[in-house]
Amino acid sequence: MPGIGEIAERTGLSKATVSRALRGLPTVAEETLALVRAAADELGYIPSAAASGLATGRNLAIGALVPVFGRWFYTRVLEGADGELRRRGYDLLLYNLGGGHAERERAFHRSILRRRVDGLLVLALTFTEEESAELAQTEFPAIAVGGPAAGVRHIGIDDHQAAYLATAHLIDLGHTRIAQIGGSDAMGLNAAVPSNRLSGFRHAMTDAGLAVREDWIVDGGYAFGGGDEAARRLFADPRDAPTALFATSDEMAFGALTWLSRAGIRVPDDVSIVGIDGHEDGEHYGLTTVAQYPAEQGELAARRLLDEIEGAPAEDGFDPARFEFVVRHSTAPPRR
């Protein structure tokens, strides 16, 4: 089986340079990286993960802490992260913390604290004081996606600004009777996300001189079924109903749209609705939304983690991700 020596001979590079390139170190130029990979492919070189781990003292694995499997956002973040990790020769280990205290104990004490991974990707979770202290002791590089975690670098969108844009769109169309479907996610969504989106809604309404009706701020549980139920509550009295809805997740917006359709309430003729997230089903529903790109966030988080593991300086704070407004046919000016 060909080894590093054969690749060095084929490319005319030193064995040390070839080794650094095969490990994806950030000190290697892109042209050199491409040359080494091409030669490795031609020769049929297969890297040994075990040998690499022994040489570097690493596990060549990143742990992803997830509150629950199956949610669209988490799946897309993990897809983006896994692609970058595989490209750099690392595995992704998933830890589902949705099972309560026992699952969190298992993840922290059997895997993380025993150093079975080299870094952590934290999805939409907050840590207890004890967990934060334990993580600090491990000195793991860690990055949070989908909401901030105390003491951990955070990659994500500006949720307050995204909600402000969504609400301002409805106001600019002429709507003054606007309800909000938000609330909290019992399955583990970071509490800062719904809080920041609610504050963005309030901010936009206040800036426009519009009153916020507290009875029109309804908990949809960040789920399809919750959006369905929230719409039913908001339109229980047709004589006192909003002309526009701002759902703080696309999945709740889909539920609301489904109920409105069953009730014979036309969108956007009778009511407009806007969401946040950029779920791929939004095009099918014709939903106007503030789109974010979770796969990009996962890829960036993985890249930053690996760069830090390979020696890049550690950074703290918030790393903003891109988002954009996508107008479809679920919003229109209110009927006179």
C-alpha atoms as a PDB file:
ATOM      1  CA  MET A   1       0.000   0.000   0.000  1.00  0.00           C
ATOM      2  CA  PRO A   2       1.435   3.412  -0.932  1.00  0.00           C
ATOM      3  CA  GLY A   3       2.454   5.723   1.908  1.00  0.00           C
ATOM      4  CA  ILE A   4       3.606   9.279   2.538  1.00  0.00           C
ATOM      5  CA  GLY A   5       6.998   8.542   0.955  1.00  0.00           C
ATOM      6  CA  GLU A   6       5.436   7.657  -2.395  1.00  0.00           C
ATOM      7  CA  ILE A   7       3.286  10.804  -2.343  1.00  0.00           C
ATOM      8  CA  ALA A   8       6.345  12.933  -1.523  1.00  0.00           C
ATOM      9  CA  GLU A   9       8.234  11.352  -4.429  1.00  0.00           C
ATOM     10  CA  ARG A  10       5.309  11.891  -6.818  1.00  0.00           C
ATOM     11  CA  THR A  11       4.845  15.562  -5.852  1.00  0.00           C
ATOM     12  CA  GLY A  12       8.450  16.545  -5.198  1.00  0.00           C
ATOM     13  CA  LEU A  13       7.519  17.740  -1.700  1.00  0.00           C
ATOM     14  CA  SER A  14       9.064  16.783   1.613  1.00  0.00           C
ATOM     15  CA  LYS A  15       7.456  14.056   3.732  1.00  0.00           C
ATOM     16  CA  ALA A  16       6.772  16.642   6.454  1.00  0.00           C
ATOM     17  CA  THR A  17       4.855  18.858   4.026  1.00  0.00           C
ATOM     18  CA  VAL A  18       2.891  15.897   2.696  1.00  0.00           C
ATOM     19  CA  SER A  19       2.036  14.863   6.247  1.00  0.00           C
ATOM     20  CA  ARG A  20       0.787  18.340   7.122  1.00  0.00           C
ATOM     21  CA  ALA A  21      -1.279  18.494   3.934  1.00  0.00           C
ATOM     22  CA  LEU A  22      -2.896  15.095   4.547  1.00  0.00           C
ATOM     23  CA  ARG A  23      -3.905  16.253   8.020  1.00  0.00           C
ATOM     24  CA  GLY A  24      -5.439  19.440   6.601  1.00  0.00           C
ATOM     25  CA  LEU A  25      -3.348  21.804   8.704  1.00  0.00           C
ATOM     26  CA  PRO A  26      -4.118  25.505   8.096  1.00  0.00           C
ATOM     27  CA  THR A  27      -0.422  26.278   7.497  1.00  0.00           C
ATOM     28  CA  VAL A  28      -0.480  24.430   4.145  1.00  0.00           C
ATOM     29  CA  ALA A  29      -1.164  26.479   0.995  1.00  0.00           C
ATOM     30  CA  GLU A  30      -4.282  25.582  -0.987  1.00  0.00           C
ATOM     31  CA  GLU A  31      -2.241  24.760  -4.102  1.00  0.00           C
ATOM     32  CA  THR A  32      -0.028  22.379  -2.108  1.00  0.00           C
ATOM     33  CA  LEU A  33      -3.089  20.805  -0.492  1.00  0.00           C
ATOM     34  CA  ALA A  34      -4.676  20.183  -3.899  1.00  0.00           C
ATOM     35  CA  LEU A  35      -1.423  18.734  -5.297  1.00  0.00           C
ATOM     36  CA  VAL A  36      -1.032  16.286  -2.402  1.00  0.00           C
ATOM     37  CA  ARG A  37      -4.656  15.172  -2.506  1.00  0.00           C
ATOM     38  CA  ALA A  38      -4.507  14.578  -6.237  1.00  0.00           C
ATOM     39  CA  ALA A  39      -1.355  12.461  -5.854  1.00  0.00           C
ATOM     40  CA  ALA A  40      -2.908  10.547  -2.941  1.00  0.00           C
ATOM     41  CA  ASP A  41      -5.983   9.756  -5.034  1.00  0.00           C
ATOM     42  CA  GLU A  42      -3.894   8.630  -8.000  1.00  0.00           C
ATOM     43  CA  LEU A  43      -1.766   6.336  -5.840  1.00  0.00           C
ATOM     44  CA  GLY A  44      -4.718   4.974  -3.867  1.00  0.00           C
ATOM     45  CA  TYR A  45      -3.374   6.195  -0.544  1.00  0.00           C
ATOM     46  CA  ILE A  46      -5.613   5.354   2.443  1.00  0.00           C
ATOM     47  CA  PRO A  47      -4.837   7.309   5.634  1.00  0.00           C
ATOM     48  CA  SER A  48      -4.812   5.475   8.934  1.00  0.00           C
ATOM     49  CA  ALA A  49      -7.000   7.254  11.457  1.00  0.00           C
ATOM     50  CA  ALA A  50      -5.450   5.273  14.300  1.00  0.00           C
ATOM     51  CA  ALA A  51      -1.919   6.185  13.229  1.00  0.00           C
ATOM     52  CA  SER A  52      -2.873   9.838  12.872  1.00  0.00           C
ATOM     53  CA  GLY A  53      -4.393   9.846  16.321  1.00  0.00           C
ATOM     54  CA  LEU A  54      -1.311   8.293  17.882  1.00  0.00           C
ATOM     55  CA  ALA A  55       0.961  10.770  16.147  1.00  0.00           C
ATOM     56  CA  THR A  56      -1.027  13.814  17.215  1.00  0.00           C
ATOM     57  CA  GLY A  57      -2.449  12.667  20.550  1.00  0.00           C
ATOM     58  CA  ARG A  58      -5.947  13.309  19.216  1.00  0.00           C
ATOM     59  CA  ASN A  59      -9.096  11.212  18.839  1.00  0.00           C
ATOM     60  CA  LEU A  60      -9.894  12.643  15.380  1.00  0.00           C
ATOM     61  CA  ALA A  61     -13.502  13.073  16.503  1.00  0.00           C
ATOM     62  CA  ILE A  62     -15.778  15.988  17.309  1.00  0.00           C
ATOM     63  CA  GLY A  63     -18.735  15.560  19.646  1.00  0.00           C
ATOM     64  CA  ALA A  64     -22.074  17.167  18.771  1.00  0.00           C
ATOM     65  CA  LEU A  65     -24.437  17.801  21.685  1.00  0.00           C
ATOM     66  CA  VAL A  66     -28.018  17.835  20.363  1.00  0.00           C
ATOM     67  CA  PRO A  67     -31.204  18.447  22.399  1.00  0.00           C
ATOM     68  CA  VAL A  68     -33.267  16.144  20.173  1.00  0.00           C
ATOM     69  CA  PHE A  69     -32.889  14.376  16.834  1.00  0.00           C
ATOM     70  CA  GLY A  70     -35.223  14.966  13.924  1.00  0.00           C
ATOM     71  CA  ARG A  71     -35.605  18.740  13.936  1.00  0.00           C
ATOM     72  CA  TRP A  72     -34.924  20.369  10.573  1.00  0.00           C
ATOM     73  CA  PHE A  73     -32.453  22.954  11.887  1.00  0.00           C
ATOM     74  CA  TYR A  74     -30.330  20.436  13.802  1.00  0.00           C
ATOM     75  CA  THR A  75     -30.213  18.030  10.861  1.00  0.00           C
ATOM     76  CA  ARG A  76     -28.974  20.718   8.473  1.00  0.00           C
ATOM     77  CA  VAL A  77     -26.332  21.986  10.906  1.00  0.00           C
ATOM     78  CA  LEU A  78     -25.020  18.445  11.374  1.00  0.00           C
ATOM     79  CA  GLU A  79     -24.940  17.807   7.622  1.00  0.00           C
ATOM     80  CA  GLY A  80     -22.815  20.909   7.090  1.00  0.00           C
ATOM     81  CA  ALA A  81     -20.490  20.067   9.974  1.00  0.00           C
ATOM     82  CA  ASP A  82     -20.092  16.421   8.958  1.00  0.00           C
ATOM     83  CA  GLY A  83     -19.054  17.338   5.409  1.00  0.00           C
ATOM     84  CA  GLU A  84     -16.260  19.589   6.672  1.00  0.00           C
ATOM     85  CA  LEU A  85     -15.144  17.068   9.303  1.00  0.00           C
ATOM     86  CA  ARG A  86     -14.942  14.195   6.821  1.00  0.00           C
ATOM     87  CA  ARG A  87     -12.915  16.348   4.456  1.00  0.00           C
ATOM     88  CA  ARG A  88     -10.396  16.903   7.255  1.00  0.00           C
ATOM     89  CA  GLY A  89     -10.329  13.267   8.400  1.00  0.00           C
ATOM     90  CA  TYR A  90     -12.478  13.621  11.537  1.00  0.00           C
ATOM     91  CA  ASP A  91     -15.539  11.709  12.706  1.00  0.00           C
ATOM     92  CA  LEU A  92     -18.713  13.255  14.138  1.00  0.00           C
ATOM     93  CA  LEU A  93     -20.064  11.659  17.329  1.00  0.00           C
ATOM     94  CA  LEU A  94     -23.666  12.525  18.243  1.00  0.00           C
ATOM     95  CA  TYR A  95     -24.918  12.851  21.817  1.00  0.00           C
ATOM     96  CA  ASN A  96     -28.686  13.186  22.223  1.00  0.00           C
ATOM     97  CA  LEU A  97     -29.309  15.085  25.457  1.00  0.00           C
ATOM     98  CA  GLY A  98     -33.084  15.033  25.120  1.00  0.00           C
ATOM     99  CA  GLY A  99     -33.464  12.099  27.493  1.00  0.00           C
ATOM    100  CA  GLY A 100     -33.024  14.213  30.600  1.00  0.00           C
ATOM    101  CA  HIS A 101     -30.412  14.235  33.342  1.00  0.00           C
ATOM    102  CA  ALA A 102     -29.203  10.667  32.754  1.00  0.00           C
ATOM    103  CA  GLU A 103     -28.363  11.354  29.109  1.00  0.00           C
ATOM    104  CA  ARG A 104     -26.477  14.524  29.989  1.00  0.00           C
ATOM    105  CA  GLU A 105     -24.514  12.646  32.663  1.00  0.00           C
ATOM    106  CA  ARG A 106     -23.619   9.934  30.163  1.00  0.00           C
ATOM    107  CA  ALA A 107     -22.406  12.402  27.575  1.00  0.00           C
ATOM    108  CA  PHE A 108     -20.355  14.475  29.979  1.00  0.00           C
ATOM    109  CA  HIS A 109     -18.840  11.833  32.217  1.00  0.00           C
ATOM    110  CA  ARG A 110     -18.462   8.826  29.934  1.00  0.00           C
ATOM    111  CA  SER A 111     -17.353  10.563  26.779  1.00  0.00           C
ATOM    112  CA  ILE A 112     -16.523  14.250  27.036  1.00  0.00           C
ATOM    113  CA  LEU A 113     -14.702  14.262  30.346  1.00  0.00           C
ATOM    114  CA  ARG A 114     -12.853  11.090  29.378  1.00  0.00           C
ATOM    115  CA  ARG A 115     -11.568  12.953  26.334  1.00  0.00           C
ATOM    116  CA  ARG A 116     -13.050  10.696  23.669  1.00  0.00           C
ATOM    117  CA  VAL A 117     -13.457  13.749  21.446  1.00  0.00           C
ATOM    118  CA  ASP A 118     -11.217  16.683  20.523  1.00  0.00           C
ATOM    119  CA  GLY A 119     -13.858  19.422  20.514  1.00  0.00           C
ATOM    120  CA  LEU A 120     -17.550  20.098  20.896  1.00  0.00           C
ATOM    121  CA  LEU A 121     -20.303  21.386  18.635  1.00  0.00           C
ATOM    122  CA  VAL A 122     -23.179  22.563  20.840  1.00  0.00           C
ATOM    123  CA  LEU A 123     -26.611  22.816  19.176  1.00  0.00           C
ATOM    124  CA  ALA A 124     -29.209  25.081  20.797  1.00  0.00           C
ATOM    125  CA  LEU A 125     -28.311  24.112  24.369  1.00  0.00           C
ATOM    126  CA  THR A 126     -27.582  25.936  27.582  1.00  0.00           C
ATOM    127  CA  PHE A 127     -25.327  24.448  30.256  1.00  0.00           C
ATOM    128  CA  THR A 128     -25.793  24.182  33.994  1.00  0.00           C
ATOM    129  CA  GLU A 129     -23.154  25.814  36.179  1.00  0.00           C
ATOM    130  CA  GLU A 130     -21.697  22.382  36.928  1.00  0.00           C
ATOM    131  CA  GLU A 131     -21.502  21.468  33.242  1.00  0.00           C
ATOM    132  CA  SER A 132     -19.869  24.796  32.373  1.00  0.00           C
ATOM    133  CA  ALA A 133     -17.247  24.234  35.058  1.00  0.00           C
ATOM    134  CA  GLU A 134     -16.566  20.698  33.817  1.00  0.00           C
ATOM    135  CA  LEU A 135     -16.168  21.891  30.236  1.00  0.00           C
ATOM    136  CA  ALA A 136     -13.758  24.602  31.337  1.00  0.00           C
ATOM    137  CA  GLN A 137     -11.607  21.957  33.033  1.00  0.00           C
ATOM    138  CA  THR A 138     -11.333  19.887  29.842  1.00  0.00           C
ATOM    139  CA  GLU A 139     -10.061  22.919  27.873  1.00  0.00           C
ATOM    140  CA  PHE A 140     -11.940  21.599  24.831  1.00  0.00           C
ATOM    141  CA  PRO A 141     -12.535  24.048  22.017  1.00  0.00           C
ATOM    142  CA  ALA A 142     -16.311  24.408  21.759  1.00  0.00           C
ATOM    143  CA  ILE A 143     -18.676  26.331  19.485  1.00  0.00           C
ATOM    144  CA  ALA A 144     -22.437  26.817  19.893  1.00  0.00           C
ATOM    145  CA  VAL A 145     -24.830  26.960  16.924  1.00  0.00           C
ATOM    146  CA  GLY A 146     -28.524  27.834  17.224  1.00  0.00           C
ATOM    147  CA  GLY A 147     -28.314  30.000  20.311  1.00  0.00           C
ATOM    148  CA  PRO A 148     -25.650  31.201  22.764  1.00  0.00           C
ATOM    149  CA  ALA A 149     -24.200  29.069  25.563  1.00  0.00           C
ATOM    150  CA  ALA A 150     -22.389  30.716  28.470  1.00  0.00           C
ATOM    151  CA  GLY A 151     -18.633  30.754  27.990  1.00  0.00           C
ATOM    152  CA  VAL A 152     -18.821  29.228  24.494  1.00  0.00           C
ATOM    153  CA  ARG A 153     -18.234  30.905  21.154  1.00  0.00           C
ATOM    154  CA  HIS A 154     -21.490  31.292  19.226  1.00  0.00           C
ATOM    155  CA  ILE A 155     -22.229  31.131  15.491  1.00  0.00           C
ATOM    156  CA  GLY A 156     -25.735  32.111  14.389  1.00  0.00           C
ATOM    157  CA  ILE A 157     -28.032  34.775  13.029  1.00  0.00           C
ATOM    158  CA  ASP A 158     -29.048  37.960  14.823  1.00  0.00           C
ATOM    159  CA  ASP A 159     -32.466  36.683  15.934  1.00  0.00           C
ATOM    160  CA  HIS A 160     -33.621  40.085  17.157  1.00  0.00           C
ATOM    161  CA  GLN A 161     -32.850  41.746  13.828  1.00  0.00           C
ATOM    162  CA  ALA A 162     -34.382  38.872  11.821  1.00  0.00           C
ATOM    163  CA  ALA A 163     -37.639  39.206  13.765  1.00  0.00           C
ATOM    164  CA  TYR A 164     -37.572  42.977  13.371  1.00  0.00           C
ATOM    165  CA  LEU A 165     -37.282  42.598   9.576  1.00  0.00           C
ATOM    166  CA  ALA A 166     -40.154  40.107   9.419  1.00  0.00           C
ATOM    167  CA  THR A 167     -42.449  42.343  11.475  1.00  0.00           C
ATOM    168  CA  ALA A 168     -41.422  45.502   9.615  1.00  0.00           C
ATOM    169  CA  HIS A 169     -42.351  43.803   6.331  1.00  0.00           C
ATOM    170  CA  LEU A 170     -45.922  43.343   7.548  1.00  0.00           C
ATOM    171  CA  ILE A 171     -46.065  46.914   8.839  1.00  0.00           C
ATOM    172  CA  ASP A 172     -44.723  48.289   5.555  1.00  0.00           C
ATOM    173  CA  LEU A 173     -47.544  46.469   3.745  1.00  0.00           C
ATOM    174  CA  GLY A 174     -50.018  48.427   5.878  1.00  0.00           C
ATOM    175  CA  HIS A 175     -50.880  45.921   8.614  1.00  0.00           C
ATOM    176  CA  THR A 176     -51.533  47.272  12.106  1.00  0.00           C
ATOM    177  CA  ARG A 177     -53.313  44.267  13.666  1.00  0.00           C
ATOM    178  CA  ILE A 178     -50.401  41.867  13.930  1.00  0.00           C
ATOM    179  CA  ALA A 179     -50.180  38.761  16.128  1.00  0.00           C
ATOM    180  CA  GLN A 180     -47.101  36.767  17.043  1.00  0.00           C
ATOM    181  CA  ILE A 181     -46.822  32.984  17.313  1.00  0.00           C
ATOM    182  CA  GLY A 182     -43.738  32.064  19.330  1.00  0.00           C
ATOM    183  CA  GLY A 183     -43.333  30.744  22.842  1.00  0.00           C
ATOM    184  CA  SER A 184     -40.836  28.133  23.929  1.00  0.00           C
ATOM    185  CA  ASP A 185     -39.648  24.747  22.735  1.00  0.00           C
ATOM    186  CA  ALA A 186     -40.111  21.974  25.280  1.00  0.00           C
ATOM    187  CA  MET A 187     -37.732  19.771  23.242  1.00  0.00           C
ATOM    188  CA  GLY A 188     -34.720  21.863  24.138  1.00  0.00           C
ATOM    189  CA  LEU A 189     -34.411  24.958  21.937  1.00  0.00           C
ATOM    190  CA  ASN A 190     -32.081  27.528  23.449  1.00  0.00           C
ATOM    191  CA  ALA A 191     -34.302  29.946  25.397  1.00  0.00           C
ATOM    192  CA  ALA A 192     -32.451  32.978  24.034  1.00  0.00           C
ATOM    193  CA  VAL A 193     -33.738  32.320  20.493  1.00  0.00           C
ATOM    194  CA  PRO A 194     -37.507  32.747  21.135  1.00  0.00           C
ATOM    195  CA  SER A 195     -36.769  35.556  23.588  1.00  0.00           C
ATOM    196  CA  ASN A 196     -34.718  37.523  21.057  1.00  0.00           C
ATOM    197  CA  ARG A 197     -37.283  36.958  18.306  1.00  0.00           C
ATOM    198  CA  LEU A 198     -40.071  38.206  20.562  1.00  0.00           C
ATOM    199  CA  SER A 199     -38.048  41.297  21.460  1.00  0.00           C
ATOM    200  CA  GLY A 200     -37.445  41.978  17.749  1.00  0.00           C
ATOM    201  CA  PHE A 201     -41.204  41.822  17.149  1.00  0.00           C
ATOM    202  CA  ARG A 202     -41.923  44.213  20.013  1.00  0.00           C
ATOM    203  CA  HIS A 203     -39.188  46.583  18.877  1.00  0.00           C
ATOM    204  CA  ALA A 204     -40.579  46.829  15.323  1.00  0.00           C
ATOM    205  CA  MET A 205     -44.110  47.397  16.595  1.00  0.00           C
ATOM    206  CA  THR A 206     -42.968  50.092  19.016  1.00  0.00           C
ATOM    207  CA  ASP A 207     -40.891  51.857  16.358  1.00  0.00           C
ATOM    208  CA  ALA A 208     -43.993  52.004  14.152  1.00  0.00           C
ATOM    209  CA  GLY A 209     -46.124  53.395  16.976  1.00  0.00           C
ATOM    210  CA  LEU A 210     -48.289  50.259  17.078  1.00  0.00           C
ATOM    211  CA  ALA A 211     -49.710  48.669  20.193  1.00  0.00           C
ATOM    212  CA  VAL A 212     -48.727  45.100  21.042  1.00  0.00           C
ATOM    213  CA  ARG A 213     -51.717  43.062  22.153  1.00  0.00           C
ATOM    214  CA  GLU A 214     -50.515  40.622  24.771  1.00  0.00           C
ATOM    215  CA  ASP A 215     -53.432  38.274  24.053  1.00  0.00           C
ATOM    216  CA  TRP A 216     -52.137  38.047  20.472  1.00  0.00           C
ATOM    217  CA  ILE A 217     -48.744  36.719  21.586  1.00  0.00           C
ATOM    218  CA  VAL A 218     -49.453  32.993  21.484  1.00  0.00           C
ATOM    219  CA  ASP A 219     -47.256  30.004  22.372  1.00  0.00           C
ATOM    220  CA  GLY A 220     -46.830  27.664  19.395  1.00  0.00           C
ATOM    221  CA  GLY A 221     -44.147  25.461  20.945  1.00  0.00           C
ATOM    222  CA  TYR A 222     -41.886  25.843  17.892  1.00  0.00           C
ATOM    223  CA  ALA A 223     -43.669  22.927  16.225  1.00  0.00           C
ATOM    224  CA  PHE A 224     -46.149  22.339  13.394  1.00  0.00           C
ATOM    225  CA  GLY A 225     -48.953  21.273  15.726  1.00  0.00           C
ATOM    226  CA  GLY A 226     -48.385  24.291  17.955  1.00  0.00           C
ATOM    227  CA  GLY A 227     -48.747  26.640  14.994  1.00  0.00           C
ATOM    228  CA  ASP A 228     -52.013  24.949  14.036  1.00  0.00           C
ATOM    229  CA  GLU A 229     -53.407  25.359  17.562  1.00  0.00           C
ATOM    230  CA  ALA A 230     -52.166  28.963  17.851  1.00  0.00           C
ATOM    231  CA  ALA A 231     -53.994  29.968  14.663  1.00  0.00           C
ATOM    232  CA  ARG A 232     -57.190  28.365  15.957  1.00  0.00           C
ATOM    233  CA  ARG A 233     -56.968  30.435  19.148  1.00  0.00           C
ATOM    234  CA  LEU A 234     -56.191  33.688  17.339  1.00  0.00           C
ATOM    235  CA  PHE A 235     -59.183  33.343  15.011  1.00  0.00           C
ATOM    236  CA  ALA A 236     -61.666  32.038  17.583  1.00  0.00           C
ATOM    237  CA  ASP A 237     -63.572  35.336  17.271  1.00  0.00           C
ATOM    238  CA  PRO A 238     -63.662  36.411  13.592  1.00  0.00           C
ATOM    239  CA  ARG A 239     -64.869  39.896  14.640  1.00  0.00           C
ATOM    240  CA  ASP A 240     -61.639  40.500  16.576  1.00  0.00           C
ATOM    241  CA  ALA A 241     -58.911  38.776  14.584  1.00  0.00           C
ATOM    242  CA  PRO A 242     -55.493  39.920  13.323  1.00  0.00           C
ATOM    243  CA  THR A 243     -54.863  40.713   9.677  1.00  0.00           C
ATOM    244  CA  ALA A 244     -51.268  39.439   9.869  1.00  0.00           C
ATOM    245  CA  LEU A 245     -49.287  36.766  11.715  1.00  0.00           C
ATOM    246  CA  PHE A 246     -45.586  36.672  12.494  1.00  0.00           C
ATOM    247  CA  ALA A 247     -44.539  33.093  13.331  1.00  0.00           C
ATOM    248  CA  THR A 248     -41.067  32.926  14.867  1.00  0.00           C
ATOM    249  CA  SER A 249     -40.321  29.647  13.098  1.00  0.00           C
ATOM    250  CA  ASP A 250     -41.313  28.368   9.672  1.00  0.00           C
ATOM    251  CA  GLU A 251     -42.588  25.114  11.132  1.00  0.00           C
ATOM    252  CA  MET A 252     -45.133  26.997  13.276  1.00  0.00           C
ATOM    253  CA  ALA A 253     -46.050  29.052  10.196  1.00  0.00           C
ATOM    254  CA  PHE A 254     -46.740  25.818   8.269  1.00  0.00           C
ATOM    255  CA  GLY A 255     -49.092  24.675  11.031  1.00  0.00           C
ATOM    256  CA  ALA A 256     -50.892  28.023  11.032  1.00  0.00           C
ATOM    257  CA  LEU A 257     -51.246  27.954   7.245  1.00  0.00           C
ATOM    258  CA  THR A 258     -52.756  24.479   7.422  1.00  0.00           C
ATOM    259  CA  TRP A 259     -55.381  25.534   9.996  1.00  0.00           C
ATOM    260  CA  LEU A 260     -56.225  28.706   8.065  1.00  0.00           C
ATOM    261  CA  SER A 261     -56.785  26.645   4.926  1.00  0.00           C
ATOM    262  CA  ARG A 262     -59.121  24.245   6.765  1.00  0.00           C
ATOM    263  CA  ALA A 263     -61.026  27.195   8.226  1.00  0.00           C
ATOM    264  CA  GLY A 264     -61.540  28.793   4.816  1.00  0.00           C
ATOM    265  CA  ILE A 265     -59.442  31.839   5.718  1.00  0.00           C
ATOM    266  CA  ARG A 266     -57.536  32.897   2.627  1.00  0.00           C
ATOM    267  CA  VAL A 267     -53.818  33.736   2.627  1.00  0.00           C
ATOM    268  CA  PRO A 268     -52.891  36.469   1.830  1.00  0.00           C
ATOM    269  CA  ASP A 269     -56.356  37.881   0.962  1.00  0.00           C
ATOM    270  CA  ASP A 270     -57.750  37.595   4.496  1.00  0.00           C
ATOM    271  CA  VAL A 271     -54.533  37.338   6.497  1.00  0.00           C
ATOM    272  CA  SER A 272     -50.799  37.582   5.776  1.00  0.00           C
ATOM    273  CA  ILE A 273     -48.196  35.373   7.442  1.00  0.00           C
ATOM    274  CA  VAL A 274     -44.414  35.508   7.639  1.00  0.00           C
ATOM    275  CA  GLY A 275     -41.911  33.152   9.286  1.00  0.00           C
ATOM    276  CA  ILE A 276     -38.237  32.780  10.143  1.00  0.00           C
ATOM    277  CA  ASP A 277     -35.727  30.062   9.223  1.00  0.00           C
ATOM    278  CA  GLY A 278     -35.773  29.294   5.501  1.00  0.00           C
ATOM    279  CA  HIS A 279     -37.099  25.731   5.814  1.00  0.00           C
ATOM    280  CA  GLU A 280     -36.952  24.023   2.393  1.00  0.00           C
ATOM    281  CA  ASP A 281     -40.717  23.353   2.539  1.00  0.00           C
ATOM    282  CA  GLY A 282     -41.330  27.095   2.619  1.00  0.00           C
ATOM    283  CA  GLU A 283     -41.383  27.275  -1.161  1.00  0.00           C
ATOM    284  CA  HIS A 284     -44.107  24.604  -1.285  1.00  0.00           C
ATOM    285  CA  TYR A 285     -46.227  26.613   1.164  1.00  0.00           C
ATOM    286  CA  GLY A 286     -45.419  29.905  -0.573  1.00  0.00           C
ATOM    287  CA  LEU A 287     -44.228  31.265   2.776  1.00  0.00           C
ATOM    288  CA  THR A 288     -42.551  34.649   3.049  1.00  0.00           C
ATOM    289  CA  THR A 289     -39.679  34.198   5.494  1.00  0.00           C
ATOM    290  CA  VAL A 290     -36.364  35.384   6.851  1.00  0.00           C
ATOM    291  CA  ALA A 291     -34.097  32.603   5.600  1.00  0.00           C
ATOM    292  CA  GLN A 292     -31.013  31.412   7.400  1.00  0.00           C
ATOM    293  CA  TYR A 293     -28.600  28.706   6.245  1.00  0.00           C
ATOM    294  CA  PRO A 294     -27.904  26.177   9.015  1.00  0.00           C
ATOM    295  CA  ALA A 295     -25.717  23.896   6.864  1.00  0.00           C
ATOM    296  CA  GLU A 296     -23.359  26.841   6.299  1.00  0.00           C
ATOM    297  CA  GLN A 297     -23.344  27.509  10.039  1.00  0.00           C
ATOM    298  CA  GLY A 298     -22.446  23.881  10.754  1.00  0.00           C
ATOM    299  CA  GLU A 299     -19.670  23.882   8.158  1.00  0.00           C
ATOM    300  CA  LEU A 300     -18.221  27.118   9.526  1.00  0.00           C
ATOM    301  CA  ALA A 301     -18.415  25.856  13.113  1.00  0.00           C
ATOM    302  CA  ALA A 302     -16.579  22.639  12.193  1.00  0.00           C
ATOM    303  CA  ARG A 303     -13.910  24.579  10.300  1.00  0.00           C
ATOM    304  CA  ARG A 304     -13.324  26.949  13.209  1.00  0.00           C
ATOM    305  CA  LEU A 305     -13.147  24.053  15.680  1.00  0.00           C
ATOM    306  CA  LEU A 306     -10.605  22.140  13.622  1.00  0.00           C
ATOM    307  CA  ASP A 307      -8.496  25.218  12.983  1.00  0.00           C
ATOM    308  CA  GLU A 308      -8.330  25.818  16.730  1.00  0.00           C
ATOM    309  CA  ILE A 309      -7.452  22.169  17.380  1.00  0.00           C
ATOM    310  CA  GLU A 310      -4.660  22.468  14.820  1.00  0.00           C
ATOM    311  CA  GLY A 311      -3.200  25.502  16.552  1.00  0.00           C
ATOM    312  CA  ALA A 312      -5.134  28.572  15.392  1.00  0.00           C
ATOM    313  CA  PRO A 313      -5.742  31.156  18.159  1.00  0.00           C
ATOM    314  CA  ALA A 314      -8.968  30.664  20.131  1.00  0.00           C
ATOM    315  CA  GLU A 315     -11.675  33.310  19.741  1.00  0.00           C
ATOM    316  CA  ASP A 316     -14.668  34.209  21.876  1.00  0.00           C
ATOM    317  CA  GLY A 317     -17.955  36.006  21.367  1.00  0.00           C
ATOM    318  CA  PHE A 318     -20.545  36.046  18.602  1.00  0.00           C
ATOM    319  CA  ASP A 319     -19.800  35.152  14.993  1.00  0.00           C
ATOM    320  CA  PRO A 320     -22.785  36.377  12.911  1.00  0.00           C
ATOM    321  CA  ALA A 321     -24.182  34.158  10.153  1.00  0.00           C
ATOM    322  CA  ARG A 322     -25.954  35.420   7.058  1.00  0.00           C
ATOM    323  CA  PHE A 323     -29.706  35.655   6.624  1.00  0.00           C
ATOM    324  CA  GLU A 324     -31.933  37.227   3.993  1.00  0.00           C
ATOM    325  CA  PHE A 325     -35.544  38.170   3.449  1.00  0.00           C
ATOM    326  CA  VAL A 326     -37.423  35.945   0.975  1.00  0.00           C
ATOM    327  CA  VAL A 327     -40.765  37.308  -0.246  1.00  0.00           C
ATOM    328  CA  ARG A 328     -43.296  34.789  -1.544  1.00  0.00           C
ATOM    329  CA  HIS A 329     -47.080  34.943  -1.821  1.00  0.00           C
ATOM    330  CA  SER A 330     -48.148  34.548   1.829  1.00  0.00           C
ATOM    331  CA  THR A 331     -48.013  38.323   2.447  1.00  0.00           C
ATOM    332  CA  ALA A 332     -49.928  41.205   0.877  1.00  0.00           C
ATOM    333  CA  PRO A 333     -51.502  44.528   1.942  1.00  0.00           C
ATOM    334  CA  PRO A 334     -54.607  44.154   4.153  1.00  0.00           C
ATOM    335  CA  ARG A 335     -58.013  44.296   2.512  1.00  0.00           C
ATOM    336  CA  ARG A 336     -59.878  47.557   2.924  1.00  0.00           C
END
